[in-house]
């Protein structure tokens, strides 16, 4: 990772590059490069990264084989600039990189179905009637040992950290400040988890990006 700039402040376009093959994953961040790299490492280590190609490479090789590189610094039209570099390096092709498509991650996340399509899907779902047996089976599938959290107890430190983060002030990319993730989520009509993901990963939520207010 380059140290010639302040990665805790600077924003822009970056790549995660496999040193030997030169294959790249190209992305952008409105928060800062340091936090974005930490978020990538966290999701890769937990095997939940959005790019299955990058995930496979990370699992096959070691973390030391990958390098985080700053391509361009800035905070204007990052989606367009990211798309420019994805196409420039052809990182959407498996032989050249780890991006899973020509679209930017934010473009895919921001994709919305037309009003007509949403209405048709809603109408179809409302017409589905499940039997009592099916409802019971669905309910039982998440009870007891079938529940992914069964037998797991969060540590006191984890709970305190979650509570503290939920109470942190967050700022929207237009400068509006909220007293908590919950307040921001209510204001824009989104889930609190979505706003939290925006803070951690730099994603857009309802057209906005959020970061924690630093003091």
Protein backbone atom coordinates (compact mmCIF):
# COMPACT_ATOMS: atom_id res chain seq x y z
CA UNK A 1 0.00 0.00 0.00
CA UNK A 2 1.40 3.38 -0.97
CA UNK A 3 2.34 5.69 1.94
CA UNK A 4 3.06 8.83 -0.08
CA UNK A 5 -0.43 10.18 0.68
CA UNK A 6 -2.60 10.22 3.78
CA UNK A 7 -4.73 7.15 3.21
CA UNK A 8 -6.94 7.99 6.19
CA UNK A 9 -8.12 11.17 4.46
CA UNK A 10 -7.75 10.76 0.67
CA UNK A 11 -10.56 9.34 -1.48
CA UNK A 12 -10.72 8.18 -5.09
CA UNK A 13 -10.03 5.14 -7.26
CA UNK A 14 -7.96 2.17 -6.11
CA UNK A 15 -7.07 -1.36 -7.11
CA UNK A 16 -6.34 -4.59 -5.28
CA UNK A 17 -3.68 -6.26 -7.41
CA UNK A 18 -2.27 -9.77 -7.36
CA UNK A 19 1.47 -9.09 -7.54
CA UNK A 20 2.48 -12.09 -9.65
CA UNK A 21 -0.32 -12.16 -12.23
CA UNK A 22 -1.08 -8.44 -12.32
CA UNK A 23 -4.82 -9.14 -12.11
CA UNK A 24 -6.78 -6.29 -10.55
CA UNK A 25 -9.95 -5.54 -8.68
CA UNK A 26 -10.79 -1.87 -9.23
CA UNK A 27 -13.05 0.12 -6.95
CA UNK A 28 -13.80 3.62 -5.64
CA UNK A 29 -14.39 5.12 -2.23
CA UNK A 30 -15.99 8.31 -0.95
CA UNK A 31 -14.84 7.62 2.63
CA UNK A 32 -11.05 7.06 2.62
CA UNK A 33 -8.61 4.54 1.20
CA UNK A 34 -7.52 3.15 4.56
CA UNK A 35 -11.03 2.29 5.78
CA UNK A 36 -11.98 0.90 2.37
CA UNK A 37 -8.95 -1.42 2.34
CA UNK A 38 -9.78 -2.57 5.87
CA UNK A 39 -13.36 -3.28 4.80
CA UNK A 40 -12.14 -5.33 1.82
CA UNK A 41 -9.77 -7.35 3.99
CA UNK A 42 -12.51 -7.99 6.54
CA UNK A 43 -15.03 -9.29 3.98
CA UNK A 44 -12.35 -11.36 2.24
CA UNK A 45 -11.22 -12.96 5.49
CA UNK A 46 -14.85 -13.74 6.36
CA UNK A 47 -15.43 -15.07 2.82
CA UNK A 48 -18.35 -12.70 2.12
CA UNK A 49 -16.73 -10.35 -0.39
CA UNK A 50 -18.99 -9.31 -3.28
CA UNK A 51 -16.45 -10.46 -5.89
CA UNK A 52 -16.26 -14.24 -5.90
CA UNK A 53 -13.23 -14.01 -8.23
CA UNK A 54 -11.26 -11.90 -5.77
CA UNK A 55 -12.42 -14.15 -2.94
CA UNK A 56 -11.09 -17.26 -4.68
CA UNK A 57 -7.75 -15.60 -5.39
CA UNK A 58 -7.48 -14.44 -1.79
CA UNK A 59 -8.18 -17.97 -0.52
CA UNK A 60 -5.77 -19.57 -2.98
CA UNK A 61 -2.84 -17.25 -2.29
CA UNK A 62 -1.85 -15.31 0.81
CA UNK A 63 -2.75 -11.76 1.79
CA UNK A 64 0.89 -10.79 1.18
CA UNK A 65 0.44 -11.67 -2.50
CA UNK A 66 -2.08 -8.84 -2.91
CA UNK A 67 -1.33 -5.13 -2.97
CA UNK A 68 -3.64 -2.17 -2.42
CA UNK A 69 -2.78 0.62 -4.87
CA UNK A 70 -4.14 4.14 -5.23
CA UNK A 71 -4.90 4.84 -8.90
CA UNK A 72 -6.41 8.31 -8.72
CA UNK A 73 -7.24 10.78 -5.95
CA UNK A 74 -10.49 12.78 -6.02
CA UNK A 75 -14.15 12.75 -5.01
CA UNK A 76 -15.96 13.88 -8.18
CA UNK A 77 -17.76 11.46 -10.53
CA UNK A 78 -16.11 8.48 -8.86
CA UNK A 79 -18.54 6.00 -10.40
CA UNK A 80 -17.62 7.23 -13.90
CA UNK A 81 -13.90 7.25 -13.10
CA UNK A 82 -14.11 3.74 -11.64
CA UNK A 83 -15.89 2.51 -14.78
CA UNK A 84 -13.20 4.18 -16.92
CA UNK A 85 -10.40 2.25 -15.19
CA UNK A 86 -12.36 -1.02 -15.13
CA UNK A 87 -12.62 -0.80 -18.92
CA UNK A 88 -9.06 0.51 -19.33
CA UNK A 89 -7.57 -2.47 -17.51
CA UNK A 90 -10.30 -4.89 -18.69
CA UNK A 91 -10.55 -6.08 -15.10
CA UNK A 92 -14.06 -7.40 -15.81
CA UNK A 93 -12.44 -10.21 -17.82
CA UNK A 94 -11.30 -13.17 -15.65
CA UNK A 95 -7.92 -13.31 -17.41
CA UNK A 96 -7.24 -9.67 -16.51
CA UNK A 97 -8.97 -9.05 -13.20
CA UNK A 98 -11.50 -9.70 -10.47
CA UNK A 99 -14.36 -7.27 -11.16
CA UNK A 100 -17.45 -9.35 -11.83
CA UNK A 101 -18.90 -7.05 -14.50
CA UNK A 102 -18.36 -3.85 -16.50
CA UNK A 103 -20.65 -2.02 -14.08
CA UNK A 104 -19.37 -0.38 -10.93
CA UNK A 105 -20.41 -1.92 -7.62
CA UNK A 106 -22.49 1.14 -6.78
CA UNK A 107 -24.29 0.97 -10.12
CA UNK A 108 -25.33 -2.61 -9.44
CA UNK A 109 -26.42 -1.77 -5.89
CA UNK A 110 -28.34 1.24 -7.10
CA UNK A 111 -30.18 -0.60 -9.86
CA UNK A 112 -33.93 -0.38 -9.42
CA UNK A 113 -36.70 -2.15 -11.23
CA UNK A 114 -39.32 -0.10 -13.02
CA UNK A 115 -42.52 0.82 -11.20
CA UNK A 116 -44.45 -1.49 -13.53
CA UNK A 117 -42.13 -4.42 -12.76
CA UNK A 118 -42.26 -3.84 -8.99
CA UNK A 119 -46.06 -3.67 -9.13
CA UNK A 120 -46.26 -6.94 -11.08
CA UNK A 121 -43.94 -8.72 -8.63
CA UNK A 122 -45.90 -7.38 -5.65
CA UNK A 123 -49.19 -8.56 -7.17
CA UNK A 124 -47.75 -12.00 -7.82
CA UNK A 125 -46.38 -12.35 -4.29
CA UNK A 126 -49.68 -11.26 -2.74
CA UNK A 127 -51.40 -14.03 -4.65
CA UNK A 128 -49.24 -16.74 -3.09
CA UNK A 129 -51.00 -18.67 -0.35
CA UNK A 130 -48.92 -21.09 1.71
CA UNK A 131 -50.47 -23.99 3.56
CA UNK A 132 -50.28 -24.22 7.36
CA UNK A 133 -47.88 -27.11 6.92
CA UNK A 134 -45.55 -25.02 4.73
CA UNK A 135 -45.65 -22.07 7.14
CA UNK A 136 -44.85 -24.38 10.06
CA UNK A 137 -41.95 -25.97 8.16
CA UNK A 138 -40.52 -22.54 7.25
CA UNK A 139 -40.76 -21.44 10.87
CA UNK A 140 -39.12 -24.60 12.21
CA UNK A 141 -36.25 -24.25 9.73
CA UNK A 142 -34.98 -21.26 11.74
CA UNK A 143 -35.59 -22.60 15.23
CA UNK A 144 -33.09 -24.19 17.59
CA UNK A 145 -30.00 -25.74 16.03
CA UNK A 146 -31.18 -24.65 12.58
CA UNK A 147 -30.74 -21.00 13.56
CA UNK A 148 -27.27 -19.76 12.52
CA UNK A 149 -26.94 -17.99 15.92
CA UNK A 150 -27.89 -21.09 17.93
CA UNK A 151 -25.55 -21.62 20.88
CA UNK A 152 -23.57 -18.45 20.12
CA UNK A 153 -23.22 -15.68 22.67
CA UNK A 154 -21.81 -12.29 21.74
CA UNK A 155 -19.04 -11.07 24.01
CA UNK A 156 -19.56 -8.05 26.25
CA UNK A 157 -16.96 -6.16 24.20
CA UNK A 158 -18.82 -6.93 20.94
CA UNK A 159 -22.15 -5.74 22.37
CA UNK A 160 -20.59 -2.56 23.78
CA UNK A 161 -18.93 -1.85 20.42
CA UNK A 162 -22.23 -2.30 18.55
CA UNK A 163 -24.04 0.02 20.96
CA UNK A 164 -21.26 2.62 20.72
CA UNK A 165 -21.27 2.53 16.89
CA UNK A 166 -25.04 2.87 16.77
CA UNK A 167 -24.75 6.07 18.83
CA UNK A 168 -21.95 7.62 16.79
CA UNK A 169 -22.74 10.70 14.74
CA UNK A 170 -22.79 10.10 11.00
CA UNK A 171 -22.50 12.61 8.20
CA UNK A 172 -24.13 12.40 4.77
CA UNK A 173 -22.07 13.29 1.71
CA UNK A 174 -23.98 16.59 1.39
CA UNK A 175 -22.84 17.61 4.89
CA UNK A 176 -25.99 16.79 6.88
CA UNK A 177 -25.12 15.34 10.30
CA UNK A 178 -27.19 12.78 12.23
CA UNK A 179 -26.87 11.79 15.88
CA UNK A 180 -26.95 8.06 15.04
CA UNK A 181 -27.22 5.45 12.31
CA UNK A 182 -30.88 4.99 13.25
CA UNK A 183 -31.69 8.68 12.81
CA UNK A 184 -30.00 8.73 9.40
CA UNK A 185 -31.86 5.59 8.32
CA UNK A 186 -35.24 7.01 9.37
CA UNK A 187 -34.58 10.31 7.61
CA UNK A 188 -33.88 8.73 4.21
CA UNK A 189 -36.30 5.84 4.60
CA UNK A 190 -33.73 3.03 4.63
CA UNK A 191 -32.72 0.17 6.90
CA UNK A 192 -30.22 0.96 9.64
CA UNK A 193 -28.09 -1.96 8.39
CA UNK A 194 -27.91 -0.31 4.96
CA UNK A 195 -26.62 2.95 6.41
CA UNK A 196 -24.10 0.99 8.48
CA UNK A 197 -22.90 -0.76 5.30
CA UNK A 198 -22.53 2.61 3.61
CA UNK A 199 -20.30 3.78 6.46
CA UNK A 200 -18.16 0.62 6.40
CA UNK A 201 -17.99 -0.06 2.67
CA UNK A 202 -18.70 3.24 0.95
CA UNK A 203 -21.90 2.08 -0.77
CA UNK A 204 -24.71 4.44 -1.75
CA UNK A 205 -28.01 4.17 0.10
CA UNK A 206 -30.98 5.91 -1.49
CA UNK A 207 -28.45 7.94 -3.48
CA UNK A 208 -26.40 8.97 -0.42
CA UNK A 209 -23.11 7.92 1.17
CA UNK A 210 -22.40 8.14 4.89
CA UNK A 211 -19.31 8.24 7.13
CA UNK A 212 -18.80 8.57 10.87
CA UNK A 213 -18.12 12.07 12.16
CA UNK A 214 -14.50 12.20 13.35
CA UNK A 215 -13.39 14.45 16.15
